[in-house]
Amino acid sequence: MSEWNKLEFAEALSTRYMRLIVLSDATNSLIEEADRQKAEEELHLLRTVILDLPKDILDLVRQRISL
């Protein structure tokens, strides 16, 4: 995988991760309970995927999430 592809992949994963964090933490008045529950489930799966990434991509994802 080229460096450019790694960066693009890390950017996409970190963006999705941050969106899911916001959705899963949303109050019921902002989002339906079913949608919030789905976001929590997807977030759990995404965390598993992220932790199984090769170290170089994992580091890129972590850098973007921590910004």
PDB file of N, CA and C in Angstrom:
ATOM      1  N   MET A   1       0.853  -1.165   0.000  1.00  0.00           N
ATOM      2  CA  MET A   1       0.000   0.000   0.000  1.00  0.00           C
ATOM      3  C   MET A   1       0.899   1.228   0.000  1.00  0.00           C
ATOM      4  N   SER A   2       0.621   2.161  -0.885  1.00  0.00           N
ATOM      5  CA  SER A   2       1.442   3.368  -0.961  1.00  0.00           C
ATOM      6  C   SER A   2       1.192   4.266   0.251  1.00  0.00           C
ATOM      7  N   GLU A   3       2.121   5.166   0.496  1.00  0.00           N
ATOM      8  CA  GLU A   3       1.966   6.097   1.623  1.00  0.00           C
ATOM      9  C   GLU A   3       0.698   6.940   1.457  1.00  0.00           C
ATOM     10  N   TRP A   4       0.421   7.343   0.236  1.00  0.00           N
ATOM     11  CA  TRP A   4      -0.783   8.157  -0.019  1.00  0.00           C
ATOM     12  C   TRP A   4      -2.036   7.362   0.341  1.00  0.00           C
ATOM     13  N   ASN A   5      -2.087   6.096  -0.062  1.00  0.00           N
ATOM     14  CA  ASN A   5      -3.242   5.258   0.252  1.00  0.00           C
ATOM     15  C   ASN A   5      -3.366   5.031   1.751  1.00  0.00           C
ATOM     16  N   LYS A   6      -2.255   4.869   2.425  1.00  0.00           N
ATOM     17  CA  LYS A   6      -2.280   4.710   3.882  1.00  0.00           C
ATOM     18  C   LYS A   6      -2.861   5.948   4.547  1.00  0.00           C
ATOM     19  N   LEU A   7      -2.431   7.114   4.073  1.00  0.00           N
ATOM     20  CA  LEU A   7      -2.943   8.365   4.634  1.00  0.00           C
ATOM     21  C   LEU A   7      -4.446   8.513   4.390  1.00  0.00           C
ATOM     22  N   GLU A   8      -4.882   8.202   3.181  1.00  0.00           N
ATOM     23  CA  GLU A   8      -6.306   8.293   2.844  1.00  0.00           C
ATOM     24  C   GLU A   8      -7.129   7.323   3.689  1.00  0.00           C
ATOM     25  N   PHE A   9      -6.632   6.105   3.833  1.00  0.00           N
ATOM     26  CA  PHE A   9      -7.312   5.087   4.620  1.00  0.00           C
ATOM     27  C   PHE A   9      -7.395   5.506   6.084  1.00  0.00           C
ATOM     28  N   ALA A  10      -6.301   5.980   6.629  1.00  0.00           N
ATOM     29  CA  ALA A  10      -6.273   6.435   8.020  1.00  0.00           C
ATOM     30  C   ALA A  10      -7.219   7.608   8.226  1.00  0.00           C
ATOM     31  N   GLU A  11      -7.258   8.506   7.273  1.00  0.00           N
ATOM     32  CA  GLU A  11      -8.160   9.663   7.368  1.00  0.00           C
ATOM     33  C   GLU A  11      -9.620   9.218   7.380  1.00  0.00           C
ATOM     34  N   ALA A  12      -9.964   8.296   6.496  1.00  0.00           N
ATOM     35  CA  ALA A  12     -11.344   7.808   6.427  1.00  0.00           C
ATOM     36  C   ALA A  12     -11.735   7.082   7.714  1.00  0.00           C
ATOM     37  N   LEU A  13     -10.865   6.226   8.222  1.00  0.00           N
ATOM     38  CA  LEU A  13     -11.171   5.502   9.455  1.00  0.00           C
ATOM     39  C   LEU A  13     -11.309   6.445  10.647  1.00  0.00           C
ATOM     40  N   SER A  14     -10.405   7.383  10.760  1.00  0.00           N
ATOM     41  CA  SER A  14     -10.458   8.284  11.908  1.00  0.00           C
ATOM     42  C   SER A  14     -11.683   9.200  11.840  1.00  0.00           C
ATOM     43  N   THR A  15     -12.050   9.628  10.642  1.00  0.00           N
ATOM     44  CA  THR A  15     -13.247  10.467  10.487  1.00  0.00           C
ATOM     45  C   THR A  15     -14.492   9.689  10.887  1.00  0.00           C
ATOM     46  N   ARG A  16     -14.608   8.450  10.417  1.00  0.00           N
ATOM     47  CA  ARG A  16     -15.758   7.627  10.771  1.00  0.00           C
ATOM     48  C   ARG A  16     -15.778   7.358  12.279  1.00  0.00           C
ATOM     49  N   TYR A  17     -14.629   7.099  12.858  1.00  0.00           N
ATOM     50  CA  TYR A  17     -14.534   6.844  14.288  1.00  0.00           C
ATOM     51  C   TYR A  17     -15.047   8.052  15.086  1.00  0.00           C
ATOM     52  N   MET A  18     -14.602   9.226  14.716  1.00  0.00           N
ATOM     53  CA  MET A  18     -15.015  10.430  15.452  1.00  0.00           C
ATOM     54  C   MET A  18     -16.510  10.697  15.281  1.00  0.00           C
ATOM     55  N   ARG A  19     -17.048  10.447  14.095  1.00  0.00           N
ATOM     56  CA  ARG A  19     -18.494  10.623  13.896  1.00  0.00           C
ATOM     57  C   ARG A  19     -19.287   9.654  14.751  1.00  0.00           C
ATOM     58  N   LEU A  20     -18.824   8.410  14.822  1.00  0.00           N
ATOM     59  CA  LEU A  20     -19.519   7.423  15.641  1.00  0.00           C
ATOM     60  C   LEU A  20     -19.444   7.766  17.117  1.00  0.00           C
ATOM     61  N   ILE A  21     -18.337   8.324  17.559  1.00  0.00           N
ATOM     62  CA  ILE A  21     -18.221   8.767  18.958  1.00  0.00           C
ATOM     63  C   ILE A  21     -19.293   9.810  19.256  1.00  0.00           C
ATOM     64  N   VAL A  22     -19.440  10.764  18.372  1.00  0.00           N
ATOM     65  CA  VAL A  22     -20.436  11.821  18.572  1.00  0.00           C
ATOM     66  C   VAL A  22     -21.838  11.227  18.591  1.00  0.00           C
ATOM     67  N   LEU A  23     -22.142  10.344  17.644  1.00  0.00           N
ATOM     68  CA  LEU A  23     -23.475   9.739  17.599  1.00  0.00           C
ATOM     69  C   LEU A  23     -23.762   8.881  18.820  1.00  0.00           C
ATOM     70  N   SER A  24     -22.794   8.107  19.253  1.00  0.00           N
ATOM     71  CA  SER A  24     -23.028   7.223  20.394  1.00  0.00           C
ATOM     72  C   SER A  24     -23.143   7.998  21.698  1.00  0.00           C
ATOM     73  N   ASP A  25     -22.571   9.196  21.756  1.00  0.00           N
ATOM     74  CA  ASP A  25     -22.653  10.016  22.964  1.00  0.00           C
ATOM     75  C   ASP A  25     -23.822  11.004  22.944  1.00  0.00           C
ATOM     76  N   ALA A  26     -24.539  11.048  21.843  1.00  0.00           N
ATOM     77  CA  ALA A  26     -25.629  12.018  21.709  1.00  0.00           C
ATOM     78  C   ALA A  26     -26.760  11.703  22.681  1.00  0.00           C
ATOM     79  N   THR A  27     -27.416  12.748  23.127  1.00  0.00           N
ATOM     80  CA  THR A  27     -28.568  12.554  24.009  1.00  0.00           C
ATOM     81  C   THR A  27     -29.770  12.138  23.171  1.00  0.00           C
ATOM     82  N   ASN A  28     -30.748  11.562  23.821  1.00  0.00           N
ATOM     83  CA  ASN A  28     -31.931  11.078  23.123  1.00  0.00           C
ATOM     84  C   ASN A  28     -32.693  12.184  22.407  1.00  0.00           C
ATOM     85  N   SER A  29     -32.588  13.393  22.870  1.00  0.00           N
ATOM     86  CA  SER A  29     -33.298  14.490  22.219  1.00  0.00           C
ATOM     87  C   SER A  29     -32.660  14.860  20.883  1.00  0.00           C
ATOM     88  N   LEU A  30     -31.409  14.484  20.693  1.00  0.00           N
ATOM     89  CA  LEU A  30     -30.711  14.806  19.447  1.00  0.00           C
ATOM     90  C   LEU A  30     -30.757  13.674  18.427  1.00  0.00           C
ATOM     91  N   ILE A  31     -30.939  12.454  18.900  1.00  0.00           N
ATOM     92  CA  ILE A  31     -30.872  11.300  17.997  1.00  0.00           C
ATOM     93  C   ILE A  31     -31.778  10.190  18.533  1.00  0.00           C
ATOM     94  N   GLU A  32     -32.354   9.434  17.629  1.00  0.00           N
ATOM     95  CA  GLU A  32     -33.205   8.314  18.033  1.00  0.00           C
ATOM     96  C   GLU A  32     -32.371   7.250  18.759  1.00  0.00           C
ATOM     97  N   GLU A  33     -32.975   6.589  19.709  1.00  0.00           N
ATOM     98  CA  GLU A  33     -32.273   5.568  20.491  1.00  0.00           C
ATOM     99  C   GLU A  33     -31.740   4.449  19.597  1.00  0.00           C
ATOM    100  N   ALA A  34     -32.513   4.036  18.608  1.00  0.00           N
ATOM    101  CA  ALA A  34     -32.072   2.967  17.706  1.00  0.00           C
ATOM    102  C   ALA A  34     -30.824   3.382  16.929  1.00  0.00           C
ATOM    103  N   ASP A  35     -30.783   4.644  16.503  1.00  0.00           N
ATOM    104  CA  ASP A  35     -29.616   5.147  15.775  1.00  0.00           C
ATOM    105  C   ASP A  35     -28.391   5.230  16.683  1.00  0.00           C
ATOM    106  N   ARG A  36     -28.610   5.644  17.911  1.00  0.00           N
ATOM    107  CA  ARG A  36     -27.516   5.725  18.862  1.00  0.00           C
ATOM    108  C   ARG A  36     -26.964   4.330  19.171  1.00  0.00           C
ATOM    109  N   GLN A  37     -27.863   3.371  19.341  1.00  0.00           N
ATOM    110  CA  GLN A  37     -27.443   1.992  19.606  1.00  0.00           C
ATOM    111  C   GLN A  37     -26.668   1.426  18.415  1.00  0.00           C
ATOM    112  N   LYS A  38     -27.130   1.705  17.218  1.00  0.00           N
ATOM    113  CA  LYS A  38     -26.433   1.234  16.016  1.00  0.00           C
ATOM    114  C   LYS A  38     -25.037   1.846  15.937  1.00  0.00           C
ATOM    115  N   ALA A  39     -24.929   3.131  16.274  1.00  0.00           N
ATOM    116  CA  ALA A  39     -23.624   3.797  16.271  1.00  0.00           C
ATOM    117  C   ALA A  39     -22.686   3.159  17.292  1.00  0.00           C
ATOM    118  N   GLU A  40     -23.211   2.819  18.471  1.00  0.00           N
ATOM    119  CA  GLU A  40     -22.386   2.158  19.488  1.00  0.00           C
ATOM    120  C   GLU A  40     -21.878   0.806  18.994  1.00  0.00           C
ATOM    121  N   GLU A  41     -22.740   0.048  18.329  1.00  0.00           N
ATOM    122  CA  GLU A  41     -22.341  -1.263  17.804  1.00  0.00           C
ATOM    123  C   GLU A  41     -21.281  -1.111  16.710  1.00  0.00           C
ATOM    124  N   GLU A  42     -21.501  -0.165  15.804  1.00  0.00           N
ATOM    125  CA  GLU A  42     -20.527   0.058  14.739  1.00  0.00           C
ATOM    126  C   GLU A  42     -19.200   0.569  15.307  1.00  0.00           C
ATOM    127  N   LEU A  43     -19.278   1.396  16.320  1.00  0.00           N
ATOM    128  CA  LEU A  43     -18.068   1.903  16.964  1.00  0.00           C
ATOM    129  C   LEU A  43     -17.261   0.756  17.578  1.00  0.00           C
ATOM    130  N   HIS A  44     -17.943  -0.168  18.211  1.00  0.00           N
ATOM    131  CA  HIS A  44     -17.259  -1.327  18.786  1.00  0.00           C
ATOM    132  C   HIS A  44     -16.545  -2.131  17.695  1.00  0.00           C
ATOM    133  N   LEU A  45     -17.232  -2.367  16.584  1.00  0.00           N
ATOM    134  CA  LEU A  45     -16.615  -3.100  15.469  1.00  0.00           C
ATOM    135  C   LEU A  45     -15.436  -2.332  14.886  1.00  0.00           C
ATOM    136  N   LEU A  46     -15.595  -1.034  14.729  1.00  0.00           N
ATOM    137  CA  LEU A  46     -14.522  -0.219  14.158  1.00  0.00           C
ATOM    138  C   LEU A  46     -13.296  -0.203  15.063  1.00  0.00           C
ATOM    139  N   ARG A  47     -13.512  -0.150  16.365  1.00  0.00           N
ATOM    140  CA  ARG A  47     -12.379  -0.212  17.302  1.00  0.00           C
ATOM    141  C   ARG A  47     -11.602  -1.511  17.124  1.00  0.00           C
ATOM    142  N   THR A  48     -12.320  -2.607  16.939  1.00  0.00           N
ATOM    143  CA  THR A  48     -11.676  -3.902  16.718  1.00  0.00           C
ATOM    144  C   THR A  48     -10.851  -3.876  15.437  1.00  0.00           C
ATOM    145  N   VAL A  49     -11.423  -3.330  14.377  1.00  0.00           N
ATOM    146  CA  VAL A  49     -10.723  -3.243  13.097  1.00  0.00           C
ATOM    147  C   VAL A  49      -9.479  -2.371  13.230  1.00  0.00           C
ATOM    148  N   ILE A  50      -9.627  -1.230  13.879  1.00  0.00           N
ATOM    149  CA  ILE A  50      -8.504  -0.303  14.022  1.00  0.00           C
ATOM    150  C   ILE A  50      -7.357  -0.957  14.795  1.00  0.00           C
ATOM    151  N   LEU A  51      -7.676  -1.660  15.853  1.00  0.00           N
ATOM    152  CA  LEU A  51      -6.624  -2.291  16.657  1.00  0.00           C
ATOM    153  C   LEU A  51      -5.915  -3.421  15.922  1.00  0.00           C
ATOM    154  N   ASP A  52      -6.536  -3.964  14.898  1.00  0.00           N
ATOM    155  CA  ASP A  52      -5.921  -5.036  14.105  1.00  0.00           C
ATOM    156  C   ASP A  52      -5.136  -4.517  12.901  1.00  0.00           C
ATOM    157  N   LEU A  53      -5.048  -3.215  12.743  1.00  0.00           N
ATOM    158  CA  LEU A  53      -4.324  -2.642  11.611  1.00  0.00           C
ATOM    159  C   LEU A  53      -2.814  -2.816  11.777  1.00  0.00           C
ATOM    160  N   PRO A  54      -2.095  -2.813  10.659  1.00  0.00           N
ATOM    161  CA  PRO A  54      -0.626  -2.786  10.763  1.00  0.00           C
ATOM    162  C   PRO A  54      -0.186  -1.541  11.541  1.00  0.00           C
ATOM    163  N   LYS A  55       0.927  -1.635  12.228  1.00  0.00           N
ATOM    164  CA  LYS A  55       1.376  -0.563  13.120  1.00  0.00           C
ATOM    165  C   LYS A  55       1.491   0.791  12.432  1.00  0.00           C
ATOM    166  N   ASP A  56       1.988   0.836  11.210  1.00  0.00           N
ATOM    167  CA  ASP A  56       2.155   2.137  10.551  1.00  0.00           C
ATOM    168  C   ASP A  56       0.813   2.819  10.288  1.00  0.00           C
ATOM    169  N   ILE A  57      -0.191   2.045   9.896  1.00  0.00           N
ATOM    170  CA  ILE A  57      -1.516   2.627   9.659  1.00  0.00           C
ATOM    171  C   ILE A  57      -2.186   2.951  10.987  1.00  0.00           C
ATOM    172  N   LEU A  58      -2.032   2.073  11.971  1.00  0.00           N
ATOM    173  CA  LEU A  58      -2.585   2.325  13.299  1.00  0.00           C
ATOM    174  C   LEU A  58      -2.050   3.637  13.871  1.00  0.00           C
ATOM    175  N   ASP A  59      -0.768   3.884  13.702  1.00  0.00           N
ATOM    176  CA  ASP A  59      -0.178   5.136  14.189  1.00  0.00           C
ATOM    177  C   ASP A  59      -0.781   6.344  13.478  1.00  0.00           C
ATOM    178  N   LEU A  60      -1.022   6.230  12.189  1.00  0.00           N
ATOM    179  CA  LEU A  60      -1.626   7.332  11.442  1.00  0.00           C
ATOM    180  C   LEU A  60      -3.061   7.610  11.929  1.00  0.00           C
ATOM    181  N   VAL A  61      -3.808   6.545  12.177  1.00  0.00           N
ATOM    182  CA  VAL A  61      -5.187   6.702  12.671  1.00  0.00           C
ATOM    183  C   VAL A  61      -5.155   7.357  14.052  1.00  0.00           C
ATOM    184  N   ARG A  62      -4.296   6.876  14.914  1.00  0.00           N
ATOM    185  CA  ARG A  62      -4.199   7.448  16.275  1.00  0.00           C
ATOM    186  C   ARG A  62      -3.810   8.919  16.244  1.00  0.00           C
ATOM    187  N   GLN A  63      -2.913   9.287  15.345  1.00  0.00           N
ATOM    188  CA  GLN A  63      -2.520  10.693  15.222  1.00  0.00           C
ATOM    189  C   GLN A  63      -3.721  11.559  14.855  1.00  0.00           C
ATOM    190  N   ARG A  64      -4.531  11.076  13.932  1.00  0.00           N
ATOM    191  CA  ARG A  64      -5.675  11.869  13.490  1.00  0.00           C
ATOM    192  C   ARG A  64      -6.761  11.944  14.556  1.00  0.00           C
ATOM    193  N   ILE A  65      -6.963  10.870  15.276  1.00  0.00           N
ATOM    194  CA  ILE A  65      -7.985  10.873  16.332  1.00  0.00           C
ATOM    195  C   ILE A  65      -7.577  11.789  17.470  1.00  0.00           C
ATOM    196  N   SER A  66      -6.291  11.859  17.754  1.00  0.00           N
ATOM    197  CA  SER A  66      -5.845  12.678  18.892  1.00  0.00           C
ATOM    198  C   SER A  66      -5.793  14.174  18.588  1.00  0.00           C
ATOM    199  N   LEU A  67      -5.945  14.554  17.326  1.00  0.00           N
ATOM    200  CA  LEU A  67      -5.871  15.981  16.986  1.00  0.00           C
ATOM    201  C   LEU A  67      -7.013  16.763  17.530  1.00  0.00           C
TER     202      LEU A  67
END
